[in-house]
All heavy atoms as atom14 arrays in JSON, in Angstrom:
{
  "sequence": "RPDLLSHFPEDQYLIQGNAEVDDALVEIISTRDLGEWMELFSE",
  "atom14_mask": [
    [1, 1, 1, 1, 1, 1, 1, 1, 1, 1, 1, 0, 0, 0],
    [1, 1, 1, 1, 1, 1, 1, 0, 0, 0, 0, 0, 0, 0],
    [1, 1, 1, 1, 1, 1, 1, 1, 0, 0, 0, 0, 0, 0],
    [1, 1, 1, 1, 1, 1, 1, 1, 0, 0, 0, 0, 0, 0],
    [1, 1, 1, 1, 1, 1, 1, 1, 0, 0, 0, 0, 0, 0],
    [1, 1, 1, 1, 1, 1, 0, 0, 0, 0, 0, 0, 0, 0],
    [1, 1, 1, 1, 1, 1, 1, 1, 1, 1, 0, 0, 0, 0],
    [1, 1, 1, 1, 1, 1, 1, 1, 1, 1, 1, 0, 0, 0],
    [1, 1, 1, 1, 1, 1, 1, 0, 0, 0, 0, 0, 0, 0],
    [1, 1, 1, 1, 1, 1, 1, 1, 1, 0, 0, 0, 0, 0],
    [1, 1, 1, 1, 1, 1, 1, 1, 0, 0, 0, 0, 0, 0],
    [1, 1, 1, 1, 1, 1, 1, 1, 1, 0, 0, 0, 0, 0],
    [1, 1, 1, 1, 1, 1, 1, 1, 1, 1, 1, 1, 0, 0],
    [1, 1, 1, 1, 1, 1, 1, 1, 0, 0, 0, 0, 0, 0],
    [1, 1, 1, 1, 1, 1, 1, 1, 0, 0, 0, 0, 0, 0],
    [1, 1, 1, 1, 1, 1, 1, 1, 1, 0, 0, 0, 0, 0],
    [1, 1, 1, 1, 0, 0, 0, 0, 0, 0, 0, 0, 0, 0],
    [1, 1, 1, 1, 1, 1, 1, 1, 0, 0, 0, 0, 0, 0],
    [1, 1, 1, 1, 1, 0, 0, 0, 0, 0, 0, 0, 0, 0],
    [1, 1, 1, 1, 1, 1, 1, 1, 1, 0, 0, 0, 0, 0],
    [1, 1, 1, 1, 1, 1, 1, 0, 0, 0, 0, 0, 0, 0],
    [1, 1, 1, 1, 1, 1, 1, 1, 0, 0, 0, 0, 0, 0],
    [1, 1, 1, 1, 1, 1, 1, 1, 0, 0, 0, 0, 0, 0],
    [1, 1, 1, 1, 1, 0, 0, 0, 0, 0, 0, 0, 0, 0],
    [1, 1, 1, 1, 1, 1, 1, 1, 0, 0, 0, 0, 0, 0],
    [1, 1, 1, 1, 1, 1, 1, 0, 0, 0, 0, 0, 0, 0],
    [1, 1, 1, 1, 1, 1, 1, 1, 1, 0, 0, 0, 0, 0],
    [1, 1, 1, 1, 1, 1, 1, 1, 0, 0, 0, 0, 0, 0],
    [1, 1, 1, 1, 1, 1, 1, 1, 0, 0, 0, 0, 0, 0],
    [1, 1, 1, 1, 1, 1, 0, 0, 0, 0, 0, 0, 0, 0],
    [1, 1, 1, 1, 1, 1, 1, 0, 0, 0, 0, 0, 0, 0],
    [1, 1, 1, 1, 1, 1, 1, 1, 1, 1, 1, 0, 0, 0],
    [1, 1, 1, 1, 1, 1, 1, 1, 0, 0, 0, 0, 0, 0],
    [1, 1, 1, 1, 1, 1, 1, 1, 0, 0, 0, 0, 0, 0],
    [1, 1, 1, 1, 0, 0, 0, 0, 0, 0, 0, 0, 0, 0],
    [1, 1, 1, 1, 1, 1, 1, 1, 1, 0, 0, 0, 0, 0],
    [1, 1, 1, 1, 1, 1, 1, 1, 1, 1, 1, 1, 1, 1],
    [1, 1, 1, 1, 1, 1, 1, 1, 0, 0, 0, 0, 0, 0],
    [1, 1, 1, 1, 1, 1, 1, 1, 1, 0, 0, 0, 0, 0],
    [1, 1, 1, 1, 1, 1, 1, 1, 0, 0, 0, 0, 0, 0],
    [1, 1, 1, 1, 1, 1, 1, 1, 1, 1, 1, 0, 0, 0],
    [1, 1, 1, 1, 1, 1, 0, 0, 0, 0, 0, 0, 0, 0],
    [1, 1, 1, 1, 1, 1, 1, 1, 1, 0, 0, 0, 0, 0]
  ],
  "atom14_positions": [
    [[-4.07, -3.65, -5.91], [-4.88, -2.46, -5.64], [-4.29, -1.22, -6.3], [-4.03, -0.2, -5.65], [-5.01, -2.24, -4.13], [-5.87, -3.23, -3.39], [-7.35, -3.12, -3.79], [-7.85, -1.77, -3.65], [-8.34, -1.27, -2.5], [-8.39, -2.03, -1.43], [-8.8, -0.03, -2.47], [0.0, 0.0, 0.0], [0.0, 0.0, 0.0], [0.0, 0.0, 0.0]],
    [[-4.11, -1.24, -7.63], [-3.54, -0.06, -8.3], [-4.42, 1.18, -8.16], [-3.96, 2.31, -8.35], [-3.43, -0.51, -9.76], [-4.42, -1.62, -9.9], [-4.42, -2.32, -8.58], [0.0, 0.0, 0.0], [0.0, 0.0, 0.0], [0.0, 0.0, 0.0], [0.0, 0.0, 0.0], [0.0, 0.0, 0.0], [0.0, 0.0, 0.0], [0.0, 0.0, 0.0]],
    [[-5.71, 0.98, -7.84], [-6.62, 2.12, -7.66], [-6.19, 3.04, -6.53], [-6.56, 4.23, -6.51], [-8.03, 1.62, -7.4], [-8.1, 0.74, -6.15], [-7.52, -0.38, -6.18], [-8.72, 1.17, -5.16], [0.0, 0.0, 0.0], [0.0, 0.0, 0.0], [0.0, 0.0, 0.0], [0.0, 0.0, 0.0], [0.0, 0.0, 0.0], [0.0, 0.0, 0.0]],
    [[-5.41, 2.52, -5.56], [-4.99, 3.35, -4.43], [-4.09, 4.5, -4.86], [-4.01, 5.53, -4.17], [-4.28, 2.49, -3.38], [-5.14, 1.45, -2.67], [-4.29, 0.61, -1.72], [-6.29, 2.12, -1.92], [0.0, 0.0, 0.0], [0.0, 0.0, 0.0], [0.0, 0.0, 0.0], [0.0, 0.0, 0.0], [0.0, 0.0, 0.0], [0.0, 0.0, 0.0]],
    [[-3.43, 4.33, -5.99], [-2.56, 5.4, -6.47], [-3.35, 6.62, -6.9], [-2.83, 7.75, -6.9], [-1.71, 4.88, -7.64], [-0.56, 5.77, -8.12], [0.43, 6.04, -6.99], [0.15, 5.14, -9.31], [0.0, 0.0, 0.0], [0.0, 0.0, 0.0], [0.0, 0.0, 0.0], [0.0, 0.0, 0.0], [0.0, 0.0, 0.0], [0.0, 0.0, 0.0]],
    [[-4.6, 6.43, -7.25], [-5.42, 7.55, -7.72], [-5.76, 8.55, -6.63], [-6.29, 9.62, -6.9], [-6.72, 7.01, -8.34], [-7.51, 6.36, -7.35], [0.0, 0.0, 0.0], [0.0, 0.0, 0.0], [0.0, 0.0, 0.0], [0.0, 0.0, 0.0], [0.0, 0.0, 0.0], [0.0, 0.0, 0.0], [0.0, 0.0, 0.0], [0.0, 0.0, 0.0]],
    [[-5.47, 8.2, -5.38], [-5.72, 9.12, -4.28], [-4.75, 10.3, -4.28], [-4.97, 11.27, -3.55], [-5.59, 8.38, -2.93], [-6.73, 7.48, -2.63], [-7.8, 7.84, -1.84], [-7.0, 6.2, -3.03], [-8.65, 6.84, -1.74], [-8.17, 5.82, -2.45], [0.0, 0.0, 0.0], [0.0, 0.0, 0.0], [0.0, 0.0, 0.0], [0.0, 0.0, 0.0]],
    [[-3.7, 10.22, -5.08], [-2.65, 11.23, -5.02], [-2.39, 11.83, -6.4], [-2.44, 11.12, -7.41], [-1.36, 10.59, -4.48], [-1.57, 9.85, -3.18], [-1.75, 8.47, -3.17], [-1.62, 10.54, -1.98], [-1.97, 7.79, -1.99], [-1.84, 9.86, -0.79], [-2.02, 8.48, -0.79], [0.0, 0.0, 0.0], [0.0, 0.0, 0.0], [0.0, 0.0, 0.0]],
    [[-2.14, 13.13, -6.46], [-1.87, 13.78, -7.74], [-0.67, 13.14, -8.44], [0.25, 12.64, -7.78], [-1.57, 15.23, -7.34], [-2.2, 15.41, -6.0], [-2.11, 14.06, -5.33], [0.0, 0.0, 0.0], [0.0, 0.0, 0.0], [0.0, 0.0, 0.0], [0.0, 0.0, 0.0], [0.0, 0.0, 0.0], [0.0, 0.0, 0.0], [0.0, 0.0, 0.0]],
    [[-0.66, 13.2, -9.77], [0.41, 12.56, -10.53], [1.77, 13.2, -10.28], [2.81, 12.55, -10.46], [0.09, 12.61, -12.03], [-1.09, 11.72, -12.41], [-1.3, 11.68, -13.91], [-0.49, 12.3, -14.64], [-2.27, 11.03, -14.36], [0.0, 0.0, 0.0], [0.0, 0.0, 0.0], [0.0, 0.0, 0.0], [0.0, 0.0, 0.0], [0.0, 0.0, 0.0]],
    [[1.77, 14.47, -9.89], [3.05, 15.15, -9.66], [3.5, 15.09, -8.19], [4.45, 15.75, -7.79], [2.97, 16.6, -10.11], [1.93, 17.41, -9.34], [1.11, 16.78, -8.62], [1.91, 18.65, -9.48], [0.0, 0.0, 0.0], [0.0, 0.0, 0.0], [0.0, 0.0, 0.0], [0.0, 0.0, 0.0], [0.0, 0.0, 0.0], [0.0, 0.0, 0.0]],
    [[2.78, 14.32, -7.36], [3.13, 14.21, -5.94], [4.23, 13.17, -5.77], [4.01, 11.98, -5.97], [1.91, 13.84, -5.1], [2.19, 13.82, -3.6], [0.92, 13.63, -2.77], [-0.18, 13.89, -3.25], [1.09, 13.2, -1.54], [0.0, 0.0, 0.0], [0.0, 0.0, 0.0], [0.0, 0.0, 0.0], [0.0, 0.0, 0.0], [0.0, 0.0, 0.0]],
    [[5.42, 13.62, -5.37], [6.58, 12.72, -5.26], [6.49, 11.85, -4.02], [6.78, 10.66, -4.07], [7.86, 13.55, -5.25], [9.12, 12.72, -5.11], [9.54, 11.9, -6.14], [9.87, 12.77, -3.94], [10.69, 11.13, -6.03], [11.02, 12.0, -3.8], [11.43, 11.19, -4.85], [12.56, 10.43, -4.72], [0.0, 0.0, 0.0], [0.0, 0.0, 0.0]],
    [[6.1, 12.45, -2.88], [6.0, 11.71, -1.63], [4.54, 11.36, -1.36], [3.67, 12.24, -1.41], [6.57, 12.51, -0.46], [8.06, 12.86, -0.54], [8.49, 13.63, 0.7], [8.9, 11.61, -0.7], [0.0, 0.0, 0.0], [0.0, 0.0, 0.0], [0.0, 0.0, 0.0], [0.0, 0.0, 0.0], [0.0, 0.0, 0.0], [0.0, 0.0, 0.0]],
    [[4.29, 10.1, -1.05], [2.93, 9.61, -0.81], [2.73, 9.45, 0.69], [3.35, 8.6, 1.32], [2.71, 8.26, -1.51], [3.05, 8.35, -2.98], [1.28, 7.78, -1.3], [2.24, 9.36, -3.76], [0.0, 0.0, 0.0], [0.0, 0.0, 0.0], [0.0, 0.0, 0.0], [0.0, 0.0, 0.0], [0.0, 0.0, 0.0], [0.0, 0.0, 0.0]],
    [[1.86, 10.29, 1.27], [1.66, 10.22, 2.72], [0.37, 10.92, 3.11], [-0.2, 11.68, 2.34], [2.83, 10.89, 3.45], [3.04, 12.35, 3.05], [4.23, 12.96, 3.76], [4.64, 12.49, 4.8], [4.78, 14.02, 3.2], [0.0, 0.0, 0.0], [0.0, 0.0, 0.0], [0.0, 0.0, 0.0], [0.0, 0.0, 0.0], [0.0, 0.0, 0.0]],
    [[-0.08, 10.62, 4.33], [-1.18, 11.38, 4.91], [-2.56, 11.05, 4.41], [-3.38, 11.95, 4.22], [0.0, 0.0, 0.0], [0.0, 0.0, 0.0], [0.0, 0.0, 0.0], [0.0, 0.0, 0.0], [0.0, 0.0, 0.0], [0.0, 0.0, 0.0], [0.0, 0.0, 0.0], [0.0, 0.0, 0.0], [0.0, 0.0, 0.0], [0.0, 0.0, 0.0]],
    [[-2.85, 9.76, 4.18], [-4.19, 9.4, 3.71], [-4.72, 8.24, 4.55], [-4.23, 7.12, 4.46], [-4.13, 9.01, 2.22], [-5.5, 8.8, 1.62], [-6.3, 8.03, 2.14], [-5.76, 9.5, 0.52], [0.0, 0.0, 0.0], [0.0, 0.0, 0.0], [0.0, 0.0, 0.0], [0.0, 0.0, 0.0], [0.0, 0.0, 0.0], [0.0, 0.0, 0.0]],
    [[-5.71, 8.52, 5.36], [-6.25, 7.51, 6.27], [-6.93, 6.38, 5.51], [-6.9, 5.21, 5.95], [-7.23, 8.16, 7.24], [0.0, 0.0, 0.0], [0.0, 0.0, 0.0], [0.0, 0.0, 0.0], [0.0, 0.0, 0.0], [0.0, 0.0, 0.0], [0.0, 0.0, 0.0], [0.0, 0.0, 0.0], [0.0, 0.0, 0.0], [0.0, 0.0, 0.0]],
    [[-7.55, 6.67, 4.37], [-8.23, 5.64, 3.59], [-7.22, 4.61, 3.06], [-7.47, 3.4, 3.08], [-9.01, 6.26, 2.43], [-9.87, 5.26, 1.68], [-10.72, 5.93, 0.62], [-10.88, 7.17, 0.67], [-11.23, 5.22, -0.27], [0.0, 0.0, 0.0], [0.0, 0.0, 0.0], [0.0, 0.0, 0.0], [0.0, 0.0, 0.0], [0.0, 0.0, 0.0]],
    [[-6.09, 5.1, 2.6], [-5.03, 4.2, 2.13], [-4.49, 3.38, 3.29], [-4.24, 2.18, 3.15], [-3.9, 5.0, 1.46], [-2.69, 4.1, 1.18], [-4.38, 5.64, 0.16], [0.0, 0.0, 0.0], [0.0, 0.0, 0.0], [0.0, 0.0, 0.0], [0.0, 0.0, 0.0], [0.0, 0.0, 0.0], [0.0, 0.0, 0.0], [0.0, 0.0, 0.0]],
    [[-4.35, 4.0, 4.44], [-3.86, 3.29, 5.62], [-4.8, 2.14, 5.99], [-4.36, 1.02, 6.26], [-3.74, 4.28, 6.78], [-3.06, 3.66, 8.0], [-2.12, 2.87, 7.81], [-3.48, 3.96, 9.12], [0.0, 0.0, 0.0], [0.0, 0.0, 0.0], [0.0, 0.0, 0.0], [0.0, 0.0, 0.0], [0.0, 0.0, 0.0], [0.0, 0.0, 0.0]],
    [[-6.11, 2.4, 5.98], [-7.07, 1.35, 6.3], [-6.98, 0.2, 5.31], [-7.07, -0.99, 5.68], [-8.49, 1.92, 6.3], [-8.76, 2.85, 7.47], [-7.99, 2.78, 8.46], [-9.69, 3.67, 7.39], [0.0, 0.0, 0.0], [0.0, 0.0, 0.0], [0.0, 0.0, 0.0], [0.0, 0.0, 0.0], [0.0, 0.0, 0.0], [0.0, 0.0, 0.0]],
    [[-6.8, 0.53, 4.04], [-6.69, -0.5, 3.01], [-5.45, -1.35, 3.22], [-5.49, -2.58, 3.09], [-6.68, 0.14, 1.62], [0.0, 0.0, 0.0], [0.0, 0.0, 0.0], [0.0, 0.0, 0.0], [0.0, 0.0, 0.0], [0.0, 0.0, 0.0], [0.0, 0.0, 0.0], [0.0, 0.0, 0.0], [0.0, 0.0, 0.0], [0.0, 0.0, 0.0]],
    [[-4.33, -0.7, 3.57], [-3.09, -1.44, 3.78], [-3.17, -2.33, 5.02], [-2.62, -3.43, 5.03], [-1.91, -0.46, 3.9], [-1.5, 0.26, 2.61], [-0.41, 1.28, 2.88], [-1.04, -0.74, 1.56], [0.0, 0.0, 0.0], [0.0, 0.0, 0.0], [0.0, 0.0, 0.0], [0.0, 0.0, 0.0], [0.0, 0.0, 0.0], [0.0, 0.0, 0.0]],
    [[-3.85, -1.86, 6.06], [-4.03, -2.7, 7.26], [-4.72, -4.01, 6.88], [-4.31, -5.1, 7.29], [-4.86, -1.94, 8.32], [-5.31, -2.9, 9.42], [-4.05, -0.81, 8.92], [0.0, 0.0, 0.0], [0.0, 0.0, 0.0], [0.0, 0.0, 0.0], [0.0, 0.0, 0.0], [0.0, 0.0, 0.0], [0.0, 0.0, 0.0], [0.0, 0.0, 0.0]],
    [[-5.77, -3.91, 6.07], [-6.51, -5.1, 5.67], [-5.68, -6.0, 4.75], [-5.65, -7.22, 4.9], [-7.81, -4.68, 4.97], [-8.67, -5.85, 4.55], [-9.97, -5.41, 3.91], [-10.3, -4.21, 3.98], [-10.67, -6.27, 3.32], [0.0, 0.0, 0.0], [0.0, 0.0, 0.0], [0.0, 0.0, 0.0], [0.0, 0.0, 0.0], [0.0, 0.0, 0.0]],
    [[-5.0, -5.39, 3.81], [-4.23, -6.16, 2.82], [-3.09, -6.93, 3.48], [-2.92, -8.13, 3.27], [-3.67, -5.21, 1.74], [-4.8, -4.67, 0.87], [-2.63, -5.93, 0.87], [-4.38, -3.51, -0.02], [0.0, 0.0, 0.0], [0.0, 0.0, 0.0], [0.0, 0.0, 0.0], [0.0, 0.0, 0.0], [0.0, 0.0, 0.0], [0.0, 0.0, 0.0]],
    [[-2.3, -6.26, 4.31], [-1.11, -6.89, 4.9], [-1.5, -8.01, 5.86], [-0.75, -8.96, 6.08], [-0.23, -5.83, 5.6], [0.23, -4.77, 4.6], [0.98, -6.49, 6.25], [0.99, -5.33, 3.4], [0.0, 0.0, 0.0], [0.0, 0.0, 0.0], [0.0, 0.0, 0.0], [0.0, 0.0, 0.0], [0.0, 0.0, 0.0], [0.0, 0.0, 0.0]],
    [[-2.7, -7.95, 6.4], [-3.13, -8.98, 7.35], [-3.5, -10.3, 6.65], [-3.81, -11.28, 7.33], [-4.34, -8.48, 8.14], [-5.48, -8.36, 7.3], [0.0, 0.0, 0.0], [0.0, 0.0, 0.0], [0.0, 0.0, 0.0], [0.0, 0.0, 0.0], [0.0, 0.0, 0.0], [0.0, 0.0, 0.0], [0.0, 0.0, 0.0], [0.0, 0.0, 0.0]],
    [[-3.45, -10.34, 5.32], [-3.88, -11.54, 4.6], [-2.76, -12.52, 4.32], [-3.01, -13.63, 3.85], [-4.53, -11.15, 3.26], [-3.56, -10.48, 2.43], [-5.73, -10.24, 3.48], [0.0, 0.0, 0.0], [0.0, 0.0, 0.0], [0.0, 0.0, 0.0], [0.0, 0.0, 0.0], [0.0, 0.0, 0.0], [0.0, 0.0, 0.0], [0.0, 0.0, 0.0]],
    [[-1.49, -12.15, 4.58], [-0.37, -13.06, 4.33], [0.61, -13.01, 5.5], [0.62, -12.07, 6.3], [0.39, -12.67, 3.05], [-0.44, -12.73, 1.78], [0.47, -12.61, 0.56], [-0.27, -12.46, -0.68], [0.28, -12.45, -1.88], [1.6, -12.61, -2.01], [-0.46, -12.3, -2.97], [0.0, 0.0, 0.0], [0.0, 0.0, 0.0], [0.0, 0.0, 0.0]],
    [[1.45, -14.05, 5.56], [2.47, -14.12, 6.61], [3.63, -13.18, 6.29], [3.83, -12.78, 5.13], [3.0, -15.54, 6.75], [1.96, -16.5, 7.3], [0.92, -16.02, 7.81], [2.19, -17.73, 7.23], [0.0, 0.0, 0.0], [0.0, 0.0, 0.0], [0.0, 0.0, 0.0], [0.0, 0.0, 0.0], [0.0, 0.0, 0.0], [0.0, 0.0, 0.0]],
    [[4.41, -12.86, 7.32], [5.52, -11.93, 7.17], [6.51, -12.42, 6.1], [6.94, -11.64, 5.24], [6.24, -11.77, 8.51], [7.48, -10.87, 8.53], [7.14, -9.45, 8.13], [8.13, -10.88, 9.92], [0.0, 0.0, 0.0], [0.0, 0.0, 0.0], [0.0, 0.0, 0.0], [0.0, 0.0, 0.0], [0.0, 0.0, 0.0], [0.0, 0.0, 0.0]],
    [[6.89, -13.68, 6.15], [7.85, -14.2, 5.18], [7.36, -14.09, 3.76], [8.14, -13.81, 2.83], [0.0, 0.0, 0.0], [0.0, 0.0, 0.0], [0.0, 0.0, 0.0], [0.0, 0.0, 0.0], [0.0, 0.0, 0.0], [0.0, 0.0, 0.0], [0.0, 0.0, 0.0], [0.0, 0.0, 0.0], [0.0, 0.0, 0.0], [0.0, 0.0, 0.0]],
    [[6.05, -14.3, 3.53], [5.48, -14.19, 2.19], [5.58, -12.76, 1.67], [5.93, -12.51, 0.51], [4.02, -14.64, 2.2], [3.81, -16.1, 2.53], [2.33, -16.45, 2.59], [1.72, -16.59, 1.52], [1.8, -16.56, 3.72], [0.0, 0.0, 0.0], [0.0, 0.0, 0.0], [0.0, 0.0, 0.0], [0.0, 0.0, 0.0], [0.0, 0.0, 0.0]],
    [[5.26, -11.8, 2.54], [5.35, -10.4, 2.11], [6.8, -10.01, 1.84], [7.08, -9.29, 0.87], [4.76, -9.48, 3.19], [3.27, -9.45, 3.25], [2.48, -9.7, 4.34], [2.36, -9.17, 2.18], [1.16, -9.58, 4.02], [1.04, -9.24, 2.7], [2.53, -8.84, 0.83], [-0.09, -9.01, 1.92], [1.4, -8.61, 0.04], [0.11, -8.7, 0.59]],
    [[7.72, -10.46, 2.67], [9.13, -10.13, 2.45], [9.59, -10.65, 1.09], [10.31, -9.96, 0.35], [10.0, -10.71, 3.57], [9.85, -10.02, 4.92], [10.36, -8.28, 4.86], [12.09, -8.45, 4.41], [0.0, 0.0, 0.0], [0.0, 0.0, 0.0], [0.0, 0.0, 0.0], [0.0, 0.0, 0.0], [0.0, 0.0, 0.0], [0.0, 0.0, 0.0]],
    [[9.2, -11.85, 0.75], [9.6, -12.44, -0.53], [8.99, -11.67, -1.7], [9.68, -11.35, -2.68], [9.18, -13.91, -0.58], [9.62, -14.62, -1.85], [9.27, -16.1, -1.83], [8.8, -16.6, -0.78], [9.47, -16.77, -2.88], [0.0, 0.0, 0.0], [0.0, 0.0, 0.0], [0.0, 0.0, 0.0], [0.0, 0.0, 0.0], [0.0, 0.0, 0.0]],
    [[7.7, -11.36, -1.62], [7.03, -10.66, -2.7], [7.6, -9.27, -2.91], [7.94, -8.88, -4.04], [5.52, -10.57, -2.4], [4.71, -9.69, -3.37], [4.77, -10.25, -4.79], [3.25, -9.57, -2.9], [0.0, 0.0, 0.0], [0.0, 0.0, 0.0], [0.0, 0.0, 0.0], [0.0, 0.0, 0.0], [0.0, 0.0, 0.0], [0.0, 0.0, 0.0]],
    [[7.71, -8.5, -1.83], [8.16, -7.12, -1.97], [9.63, -7.03, -2.36], [10.07, -6.06, -2.97], [7.87, -6.35, -0.68], [6.41, -6.09, -0.44], [5.86, -6.25, 0.82], [5.58, -5.71, -1.48], [4.51, -6.03, 1.04], [4.22, -5.47, -1.28], [3.69, -5.64, -0.01], [0.0, 0.0, 0.0], [0.0, 0.0, 0.0], [0.0, 0.0, 0.0]],
    [[10.4, -8.04, -1.99], [11.79, -8.08, -2.44], [11.85, -8.26, -3.95], [12.68, -7.63, -4.64], [12.53, -9.23, -1.74], [13.85, -9.35, -2.24], [0.0, 0.0, 0.0], [0.0, 0.0, 0.0], [0.0, 0.0, 0.0], [0.0, 0.0, 0.0], [0.0, 0.0, 0.0], [0.0, 0.0, 0.0], [0.0, 0.0, 0.0], [0.0, 0.0, 0.0]],
    [[10.97, -9.09, -4.49], [10.96, -9.35, -5.93], [10.58, -8.11, -6.73], [11.12, -7.87, -7.81], [9.97, -10.48, -6.24], [10.43, -11.85, -5.75], [9.37, -12.91, -5.97], [8.25, -12.55, -6.43], [9.65, -14.1, -5.67], [0.0, 0.0, 0.0], [0.0, 0.0, 0.0], [0.0, 0.0, 0.0], [0.0, 0.0, 0.0], [0.0, 0.0, 0.0]]
  ]
}
């Protein structure tokens, strides 16, 4: 979902405070098990 980055200005260092992004992450993270996400994000 690289499109989610477009919600924030290019010069914005800290990414926070967007309910639409939060809703998207809730749906995305619910699609895999905890161990799978830990392995992917570690890589």
